[in-house]
Amino acid sequence: MHKMSKLTKVGLVIGGYVAACLIASAVVYVWELFTQDPIAQASSGMYAFGDLLLFIGVFGGLALIPTGLAGYFLFRKFLKR
């Protein structure tokens, strides 16, 4: 089996976080496209907070994948010792 270098593992984890951030931003952008009505304009602060919660929720859910991957890499490293 091919062994990955440390740089590849770090790149996978960081790339996962970057991908989670980009996907969460895209989800918030699409949500913004559907909430451009006068009510949203009148209470823009409340909608901005809702958008923040949406971003945090999507990013947090997707960030579990690279976090689990990092935990897997660390767990395997300490088990070999």
PDB file of N, CA and C in Angstrom:
ATOM      1  N   MET A   1       0.830  -1.179   0.000  1.00  0.00           N
ATOM      2  CA  MET A   1       0.000   0.000   0.000  1.00  0.00           C
ATOM      3  C   MET A   1       0.877   1.246   0.000  1.00  0.00           C
ATOM      4  N   HIS A   2       0.463   2.259  -0.765  1.00  0.00           N
ATOM      5  CA  HIS A   2       1.240   3.484  -0.893  1.00  0.00           C
ATOM      6  C   HIS A   2       1.130   4.328   0.366  1.00  0.00           C
ATOM      7  N   LYS A   3       2.262   4.742   0.899  1.00  0.00           N
ATOM      8  CA  LYS A   3       2.282   5.555   2.110  1.00  0.00           C
ATOM      9  C   LYS A   3       2.285   7.037   1.735  1.00  0.00           C
ATOM     10  N   MET A   4       1.388   7.797   2.342  1.00  0.00           N
ATOM     11  CA  MET A   4       1.314   9.232   2.071  1.00  0.00           C
ATOM     12  C   MET A   4       2.336   9.982   2.908  1.00  0.00           C
ATOM     13  N   SER A   5       2.869  11.046   2.324  1.00  0.00           N
ATOM     14  CA  SER A   5       3.812  11.870   3.067  1.00  0.00           C
ATOM     15  C   SER A   5       3.058  12.781   4.040  1.00  0.00           C
ATOM     16  N   LYS A   6       3.800  13.365   4.964  1.00  0.00           N
ATOM     17  CA  LYS A   6       3.184  14.268   5.939  1.00  0.00           C
ATOM     18  C   LYS A   6       2.584  15.489   5.244  1.00  0.00           C
ATOM     19  N   LEU A   7       3.270  15.966   4.218  1.00  0.00           N
ATOM     20  CA  LEU A   7       2.783  17.134   3.490  1.00  0.00           C
ATOM     21  C   LEU A   7       1.460  16.827   2.784  1.00  0.00           C
ATOM     22  N   THR A   8       1.316  15.632   2.252  1.00  0.00           N
ATOM     23  CA  THR A   8       0.074  15.233   1.602  1.00  0.00           C
ATOM     24  C   THR A   8      -1.063  15.159   2.607  1.00  0.00           C
ATOM     25  N   LYS A   9      -0.797  14.613   3.779  1.00  0.00           N
ATOM     26  CA  LYS A   9      -1.826  14.522   4.816  1.00  0.00           C
ATOM     27  C   LYS A   9      -2.267  15.900   5.273  1.00  0.00           C
ATOM     28  N   VAL A  10      -1.316  16.797   5.499  1.00  0.00           N
ATOM     29  CA  VAL A  10      -1.643  18.159   5.917  1.00  0.00           C
ATOM     30  C   VAL A  10      -2.417  18.863   4.804  1.00  0.00           C
ATOM     31  N   GLY A  11      -2.016  18.644   3.564  1.00  0.00           N
ATOM     32  CA  GLY A  11      -2.715  19.245   2.433  1.00  0.00           C
ATOM     33  C   GLY A  11      -4.146  18.760   2.312  1.00  0.00           C
ATOM     34  N   LEU A  12      -4.375  17.477   2.572  1.00  0.00           N
ATOM     35  CA  LEU A  12      -5.739  16.941   2.534  1.00  0.00           C
ATOM     36  C   LEU A  12      -6.621  17.570   3.609  1.00  0.00           C
ATOM     37  N   VAL A  13      -6.077  17.702   4.794  1.00  0.00           N
ATOM     38  CA  VAL A  13      -6.860  18.266   5.901  1.00  0.00           C
ATOM     39  C   VAL A  13      -7.152  19.747   5.648  1.00  0.00           C
ATOM     40  N   ILE A  14      -6.142  20.511   5.285  1.00  0.00           N
ATOM     41  CA  ILE A  14      -6.355  21.938   5.020  1.00  0.00           C
ATOM     42  C   ILE A  14      -7.258  22.131   3.807  1.00  0.00           C
ATOM     43  N   GLY A  15      -7.065  21.315   2.781  1.00  0.00           N
ATOM     44  CA  GLY A  15      -7.943  21.385   1.620  1.00  0.00           C
ATOM     45  C   GLY A  15      -9.387  21.075   1.964  1.00  0.00           C
ATOM     46  N   GLY A  16      -9.591  20.166   2.898  1.00  0.00           N
ATOM     47  CA  GLY A  16     -10.942  19.863   3.350  1.00  0.00           C
ATOM     48  C   GLY A  16     -11.603  21.044   4.034  1.00  0.00           C
ATOM     49  N   TYR A  17     -10.834  21.770   4.858  1.00  0.00           N
ATOM     50  CA  TYR A  17     -11.382  22.957   5.507  1.00  0.00           C
ATOM     51  C   TYR A  17     -11.674  24.060   4.497  1.00  0.00           C
ATOM     52  N   VAL A  18     -10.797  24.223   3.514  1.00  0.00           N
ATOM     53  CA  VAL A  18     -11.025  25.230   2.474  1.00  0.00           C
ATOM     54  C   VAL A  18     -12.274  24.873   1.672  1.00  0.00           C
ATOM     55  N   ALA A  19     -12.425  23.597   1.323  1.00  0.00           N
ATOM     56  CA  ALA A  19     -13.606  23.156   0.584  1.00  0.00           C
ATOM     57  C   ALA A  19     -14.870  23.366   1.407  1.00  0.00           C
ATOM     58  N   ALA A  20     -14.813  23.092   2.702  1.00  0.00           N
ATOM     59  CA  ALA A  20     -15.974  23.311   3.567  1.00  0.00           C
ATOM     60  C   ALA A  20     -16.353  24.791   3.607  1.00  0.00           C
ATOM     61  N   CYS A  21     -15.358  25.655   3.655  1.00  0.00           N
ATOM     62  CA  CYS A  21     -15.619  27.101   3.667  1.00  0.00           C
ATOM     63  C   CYS A  21     -16.230  27.553   2.345  1.00  0.00           C
ATOM     64  N   LEU A  22     -15.716  27.057   1.237  1.00  0.00           N
ATOM     65  CA  LEU A  22     -16.246  27.442  -0.076  1.00  0.00           C
ATOM     66  C   LEU A  22     -17.674  26.934  -0.274  1.00  0.00           C
ATOM     67  N   ILE A  23     -17.941  25.716   0.145  1.00  0.00           N
ATOM     68  CA  ILE A  23     -19.293  25.162   0.000  1.00  0.00           C
ATOM     69  C   ILE A  23     -20.270  25.920   0.891  1.00  0.00           C
ATOM     70  N   ALA A  24     -19.862  26.226   2.119  1.00  0.00           N
ATOM     71  CA  ALA A  24     -20.742  26.977   3.022  1.00  0.00           C
ATOM     72  C   ALA A  24     -21.020  28.372   2.460  1.00  0.00           C
ATOM     73  N   SER A  25     -20.021  29.000   1.877  1.00  0.00           N
ATOM     74  CA  SER A  25     -20.226  30.315   1.260  1.00  0.00           C
ATOM     75  C   SER A  25     -21.189  30.221   0.084  1.00  0.00           C
ATOM     76  N   ALA A  26     -21.070  29.177  -0.713  1.00  0.00           N
ATOM     77  CA  ALA A  26     -21.976  28.987  -1.850  1.00  0.00           C
ATOM     78  C   ALA A  26     -23.404  28.757  -1.377  1.00  0.00           C
ATOM     79  N   VAL A  27     -23.573  28.000  -0.308  1.00  0.00           N
ATOM     80  CA  VAL A  27     -24.922  27.750   0.223  1.00  0.00           C
ATOM     81  C   VAL A  27     -25.547  29.057   0.713  1.00  0.00           C
ATOM     82  N   VAL A  28     -24.781  29.876   1.406  1.00  0.00           N
ATOM     83  CA  VAL A  28     -25.301  31.157   1.888  1.00  0.00           C
ATOM     84  C   VAL A  28     -25.624  32.071   0.701  1.00  0.00           C
ATOM     85  N   TYR A  29     -24.797  32.058  -0.327  1.00  0.00           N
ATOM     86  CA  TYR A  29     -25.043  32.880  -1.515  1.00  0.00           C
ATOM     87  C   TYR A  29     -26.358  32.468  -2.193  1.00  0.00           C
ATOM     88  N   VAL A  30     -26.563  31.175  -2.350  1.00  0.00           N
ATOM     89  CA  VAL A  30     -27.808  30.704  -2.969  1.00  0.00           C
ATOM     90  C   VAL A  30     -28.997  31.060  -2.092  1.00  0.00           C
ATOM     91  N   TRP A  31     -28.840  30.943  -0.777  1.00  0.00           N
ATOM     92  CA  TRP A  31     -29.922  31.309   0.135  1.00  0.00           C
ATOM     93  C   TRP A  31     -30.251  32.801   0.006  1.00  0.00           C
ATOM     94  N   GLU A  32     -29.216  33.631  -0.152  1.00  0.00           N
ATOM     95  CA  GLU A  32     -29.421  35.067  -0.333  1.00  0.00           C
ATOM     96  C   GLU A  32     -30.220  35.364  -1.599  1.00  0.00           C
ATOM     97  N   LEU A  33     -30.013  34.591  -2.636  1.00  0.00           N
ATOM     98  CA  LEU A  33     -30.743  34.809  -3.887  1.00  0.00           C
ATOM     99  C   LEU A  33     -32.244  34.597  -3.716  1.00  0.00           C
ATOM    100  N   PHE A  34     -32.624  33.719  -2.791  1.00  0.00           N
ATOM    101  CA  PHE A  34     -34.032  33.425  -2.573  1.00  0.00           C
ATOM    102  C   PHE A  34     -34.689  34.315  -1.521  1.00  0.00           C
ATOM    103  N   THR A  35     -33.923  35.154  -0.844  1.00  0.00           N
ATOM    104  CA  THR A  35     -34.496  35.999   0.212  1.00  0.00           C
ATOM    105  C   THR A  35     -34.307  37.478  -0.104  1.00  0.00           C
ATOM    106  N   GLN A  36     -34.527  37.867  -1.313  1.00  0.00           N
ATOM    107  CA  GLN A  36     -34.402  39.272  -1.701  1.00  0.00           C
ATOM    108  C   GLN A  36     -35.785  39.923  -1.807  1.00  0.00           C
ATOM    109  N   ASP A  37     -36.573  39.846  -0.768  1.00  0.00           N
ATOM    110  CA  ASP A  37     -37.891  40.464  -0.763  1.00  0.00           C
ATOM    111  C   ASP A  37     -37.874  41.690   0.161  1.00  0.00           C
ATOM    112  N   PRO A  38     -38.910  42.497   0.142  1.00  0.00           N
ATOM    113  CA  PRO A  38     -38.921  43.705   0.989  1.00  0.00           C
ATOM    114  C   PRO A  38     -38.844  43.411   2.486  1.00  0.00           C
ATOM    115  N   ILE A  39     -39.376  42.301   2.910  1.00  0.00           N
ATOM    116  CA  ILE A  39     -39.302  41.959   4.333  1.00  0.00           C
ATOM    117  C   ILE A  39     -37.850  41.710   4.741  1.00  0.00           C
ATOM    118  N   ALA A  40     -37.111  41.044   3.875  1.00  0.00           N
ATOM    119  CA  ALA A  40     -35.694  40.798   4.174  1.00  0.00           C
ATOM    120  C   ALA A  40     -34.914  42.106   4.203  1.00  0.00           C
ATOM    121  N   GLN A  41     -35.283  43.055   3.369  1.00  0.00           N
ATOM    122  CA  GLN A  41     -34.596  44.348   3.366  1.00  0.00           C
ATOM    123  C   GLN A  41     -34.943  45.162   4.613  1.00  0.00           C
ATOM    124  N   ALA A  42     -36.168  45.025   5.086  1.00  0.00           N
ATOM    125  CA  ALA A  42     -36.590  45.801   6.252  1.00  0.00           C
ATOM    126  C   ALA A  42     -35.927  45.320   7.538  1.00  0.00           C
ATOM    127  N   SER A  43     -35.691  44.029   7.636  1.00  0.00           N
ATOM    128  CA  SER A  43     -35.037  43.491   8.840  1.00  0.00           C
ATOM    129  C   SER A  43     -33.732  42.812   8.435  1.00  0.00           C
ATOM    130  N   SER A  44     -32.860  43.598   7.822  1.00  0.00           N
ATOM    131  CA  SER A  44     -31.628  43.043   7.261  1.00  0.00           C
ATOM    132  C   SER A  44     -30.672  42.512   8.325  1.00  0.00           C
ATOM    133  N   GLY A  45     -30.675  43.106   9.509  1.00  0.00           N
ATOM    134  CA  GLY A  45     -29.790  42.628  10.569  1.00  0.00           C
ATOM    135  C   GLY A  45     -30.158  41.229  11.033  1.00  0.00           C
ATOM    136  N   MET A  46     -31.445  40.976  11.136  1.00  0.00           N
ATOM    137  CA  MET A  46     -31.901  39.647  11.556  1.00  0.00           C
ATOM    138  C   MET A  46     -31.591  38.612  10.463  1.00  0.00           C
ATOM    139  N   TYR A  47     -31.758  39.006   9.215  1.00  0.00           N
ATOM    140  CA  TYR A  47     -31.429  38.088   8.127  1.00  0.00           C
ATOM    141  C   TYR A  47     -29.927  37.830   8.049  1.00  0.00           C
ATOM    142  N   ALA A  48     -29.123  38.868   8.344  1.00  0.00           N
ATOM    143  CA  ALA A  48     -27.668  38.680   8.348  1.00  0.00           C
ATOM    144  C   ALA A  48     -27.257  37.689   9.443  1.00  0.00           C
ATOM    145  N   PHE A  49     -27.890  37.792  10.604  1.00  0.00           N
ATOM    146  CA  PHE A  49     -27.594  36.841  11.674  1.00  0.00           C
ATOM    147  C   PHE A  49     -28.022  35.430  11.282  1.00  0.00           C
ATOM    148  N   GLY A  50     -29.149  35.314  10.624  1.00  0.00           N
ATOM    149  CA  GLY A  50     -29.589  34.004  10.128  1.00  0.00           C
ATOM    150  C   GLY A  50     -28.626  33.435   9.099  1.00  0.00           C
ATOM    151  N   ASP A  51     -28.107  34.314   8.243  1.00  0.00           N
ATOM    152  CA  ASP A  51     -27.114  33.863   7.263  1.00  0.00           C
ATOM    153  C   ASP A  51     -25.839  33.389   7.959  1.00  0.00           C
ATOM    154  N   LEU A  52     -25.451  34.097   9.013  1.00  0.00           N
ATOM    155  CA  LEU A  52     -24.283  33.679   9.781  1.00  0.00           C
ATOM    156  C   LEU A  52     -24.496  32.300  10.403  1.00  0.00           C
ATOM    157  N   LEU A  53     -25.681  32.091  10.974  1.00  0.00           N
ATOM    158  CA  LEU A  53     -25.981  30.783  11.560  1.00  0.00           C
ATOM    159  C   LEU A  53     -26.004  29.687  10.500  1.00  0.00           C
ATOM    160  N   LEU A  54     -26.522  30.002   9.312  1.00  0.00           N
ATOM    161  CA  LEU A  54     -26.519  29.036   8.220  1.00  0.00           C
ATOM    162  C   LEU A  54     -25.089  28.682   7.827  1.00  0.00           C
ATOM    163  N   PHE A  55     -24.229  29.699   7.698  1.00  0.00           N
ATOM    164  CA  PHE A  55     -22.830  29.451   7.343  1.00  0.00           C
ATOM    165  C   PHE A  55     -22.147  28.584   8.398  1.00  0.00           C
ATOM    166  N   ILE A  56     -22.327  28.935   9.659  1.00  0.00           N
ATOM    167  CA  ILE A  56     -21.681  28.180  10.739  1.00  0.00           C
ATOM    168  C   ILE A  56     -22.189  26.741  10.768  1.00  0.00           C
ATOM    169  N   GLY A  57     -23.476  26.551  10.550  1.00  0.00           N
ATOM    170  CA  GLY A  57     -24.036  25.199  10.554  1.00  0.00           C
ATOM    171  C   GLY A  57     -23.511  24.348   9.417  1.00  0.00           C
ATOM    172  N   VAL A  58     -23.495  24.907   8.205  1.00  0.00           N
ATOM    173  CA  VAL A  58     -23.014  24.148   7.049  1.00  0.00           C
ATOM    174  C   VAL A  58     -21.510  23.902   7.166  1.00  0.00           C
ATOM    175  N   PHE A  59     -20.757  24.947   7.526  1.00  0.00           N
ATOM    176  CA  PHE A  59     -19.313  24.778   7.672  1.00  0.00           C
ATOM    177  C   PHE A  59     -18.986  23.784   8.781  1.00  0.00           C
ATOM    178  N   GLY A  60     -19.683  23.898   9.899  1.00  0.00           N
ATOM    179  CA  GLY A  60     -19.433  22.983  11.016  1.00  0.00           C
ATOM    180  C   GLY A  60     -19.718  21.539  10.654  1.00  0.00           C
ATOM    181  N   GLY A  61     -20.800  21.322   9.921  1.00  0.00           N
ATOM    182  CA  GLY A  61     -21.112  19.957   9.498  1.00  0.00           C
ATOM    183  C   GLY A  61     -20.091  19.403   8.524  1.00  0.00           C
ATOM    184  N   LEU A  62     -19.700  20.223   7.562  1.00  0.00           N
ATOM    185  CA  LEU A  62     -18.722  19.757   6.573  1.00  0.00           C
ATOM    186  C   LEU A  62     -17.308  19.670   7.150  1.00  0.00           C
ATOM    187  N   ALA A  63     -17.005  20.490   8.140  1.00  0.00           N
ATOM    188  CA  ALA A  63     -15.668  20.470   8.739  1.00  0.00           C
ATOM    189  C   ALA A  63     -15.432  19.214   9.570  1.00  0.00           C
ATOM    190  N   LEU A  64     -16.487  18.472   9.850  1.00  0.00           N
ATOM    191  CA  LEU A  64     -16.299  17.207  10.560  1.00  0.00           C
ATOM    192  C   LEU A  64     -15.485  16.211   9.732  1.00  0.00           C
ATOM    193  N   ILE A  65     -15.584  16.320   8.417  1.00  0.00           N
ATOM    194  CA  ILE A  65     -14.862  15.386   7.547  1.00  0.00           C
ATOM    195  C   ILE A  65     -13.343  15.584   7.658  1.00  0.00           C
ATOM    196  N   PRO A  66     -12.793  16.805   7.435  1.00  0.00           N
ATOM    197  CA  PRO A  66     -11.345  16.941   7.598  1.00  0.00           C
ATOM    198  C   PRO A  66     -10.881  16.781   9.047  1.00  0.00           C
ATOM    199  N   THR A  67     -11.742  17.127  10.004  1.00  0.00           N
ATOM    200  CA  THR A  67     -11.376  16.923  11.404  1.00  0.00           C
ATOM    201  C   THR A  67     -11.248  15.437  11.705  1.00  0.00           C
ATOM    202  N   GLY A  68     -12.187  14.647  11.206  1.00  0.00           N
ATOM    203  CA  GLY A  68     -12.100  13.192  11.372  1.00  0.00           C
ATOM    204  C   GLY A  68     -10.891  12.614  10.670  1.00  0.00           C
ATOM    205  N   LEU A  69     -10.575  13.158   9.498  1.00  0.00           N
ATOM    206  CA  LEU A  69      -9.399  12.693   8.762  1.00  0.00           C
ATOM    207  C   LEU A  69      -8.120  13.010   9.531  1.00  0.00           C
ATOM    208  N   ALA A  70      -8.053  14.205  10.107  1.00  0.00           N
ATOM    209  CA  ALA A  70      -6.882  14.564  10.911  1.00  0.00           C
ATOM    210  C   ALA A  70      -6.782  13.666  12.137  1.00  0.00           C
ATOM    211  N   GLY A  71      -7.913  13.395  12.764  1.00  0.00           N
ATOM    212  CA  GLY A  71      -7.908  12.490  13.913  1.00  0.00           C
ATOM    213  C   GLY A  71      -7.470  11.091  13.529  1.00  0.00           C
ATOM    214  N   TYR A  72      -7.893  10.646  12.370  1.00  0.00           N
ATOM    215  CA  TYR A  72      -7.493   9.326  11.879  1.00  0.00           C
ATOM    216  C   TYR A  72      -5.985   9.257  11.661  1.00  0.00           C
ATOM    217  N   PHE A  73      -5.433  10.308  11.014  1.00  0.00           N
ATOM    218  CA  PHE A  73      -3.984  10.328  10.780  1.00  0.00           C
ATOM    219  C   PHE A  73      -3.213  10.344  12.097  1.00  0.00           C
ATOM    220  N   LEU A  74      -3.667  11.146  13.051  1.00  0.00           N
ATOM    221  CA  LEU A  74      -2.979  11.213  14.342  1.00  0.00           C
ATOM    222  C   LEU A  74      -3.140   9.922  15.126  1.00  0.00           C
ATOM    223  N   PHE A  75      -4.336   9.338  15.101  1.00  0.00           N
ATOM    224  CA  PHE A  75      -4.594   8.120  15.838  1.00  0.00           C
ATOM    225  C   PHE A  75      -3.714   6.980  15.329  1.00  0.00           C
ATOM    226  N   ARG A  76      -3.613   6.867  14.008  1.00  0.00           N
ATOM    227  CA  ARG A  76      -2.771   5.811  13.434  1.00  0.00           C
ATOM    228  C   ARG A  76      -1.306   6.021  13.771  1.00  0.00           C
ATOM    229  N   LYS A  77      -0.884   7.284  13.821  1.00  0.00           N
ATOM    230  CA  LYS A  77       0.511   7.574  14.122  1.00  0.00           C
ATOM    231  C   LYS A  77       0.848   7.153  15.549  1.00  0.00           C
ATOM    232  N   PHE A  78      -0.033   7.426  16.498  1.00  0.00           N
ATOM    233  CA  PHE A  78       0.263   7.091  17.881  1.00  0.00           C
ATOM    234  C   PHE A  78       0.040   5.615  18.195  1.00  0.00           C
ATOM    235  N   LEU A  79      -0.751   4.937  17.399  1.00  0.00           N
ATOM    236  CA  LEU A  79      -0.931   3.493  17.604  1.00  0.00           C
ATOM    237  C   LEU A  79       0.302   2.706  17.174  1.00  0.00           C
ATOM    238  N   LYS A  80       1.038   3.229  16.203  1.00  0.00           N
ATOM    239  CA  LYS A  80       2.215   2.516  15.706  1.00  0.00           C
ATOM    240  C   LYS A  80       3.348   2.538  16.720  1.00  0.00           C
ATOM    241  N   ARG A  81       3.318   3.464  17.656  1.00  0.00           N
ATOM    242  CA  ARG A  81       4.416   3.577  18.626  1.00  0.00           C
ATOM    243  C   ARG A  81       4.281   2.578  19.726  1.00  0.00           C
TER     244      ARG A  81
END
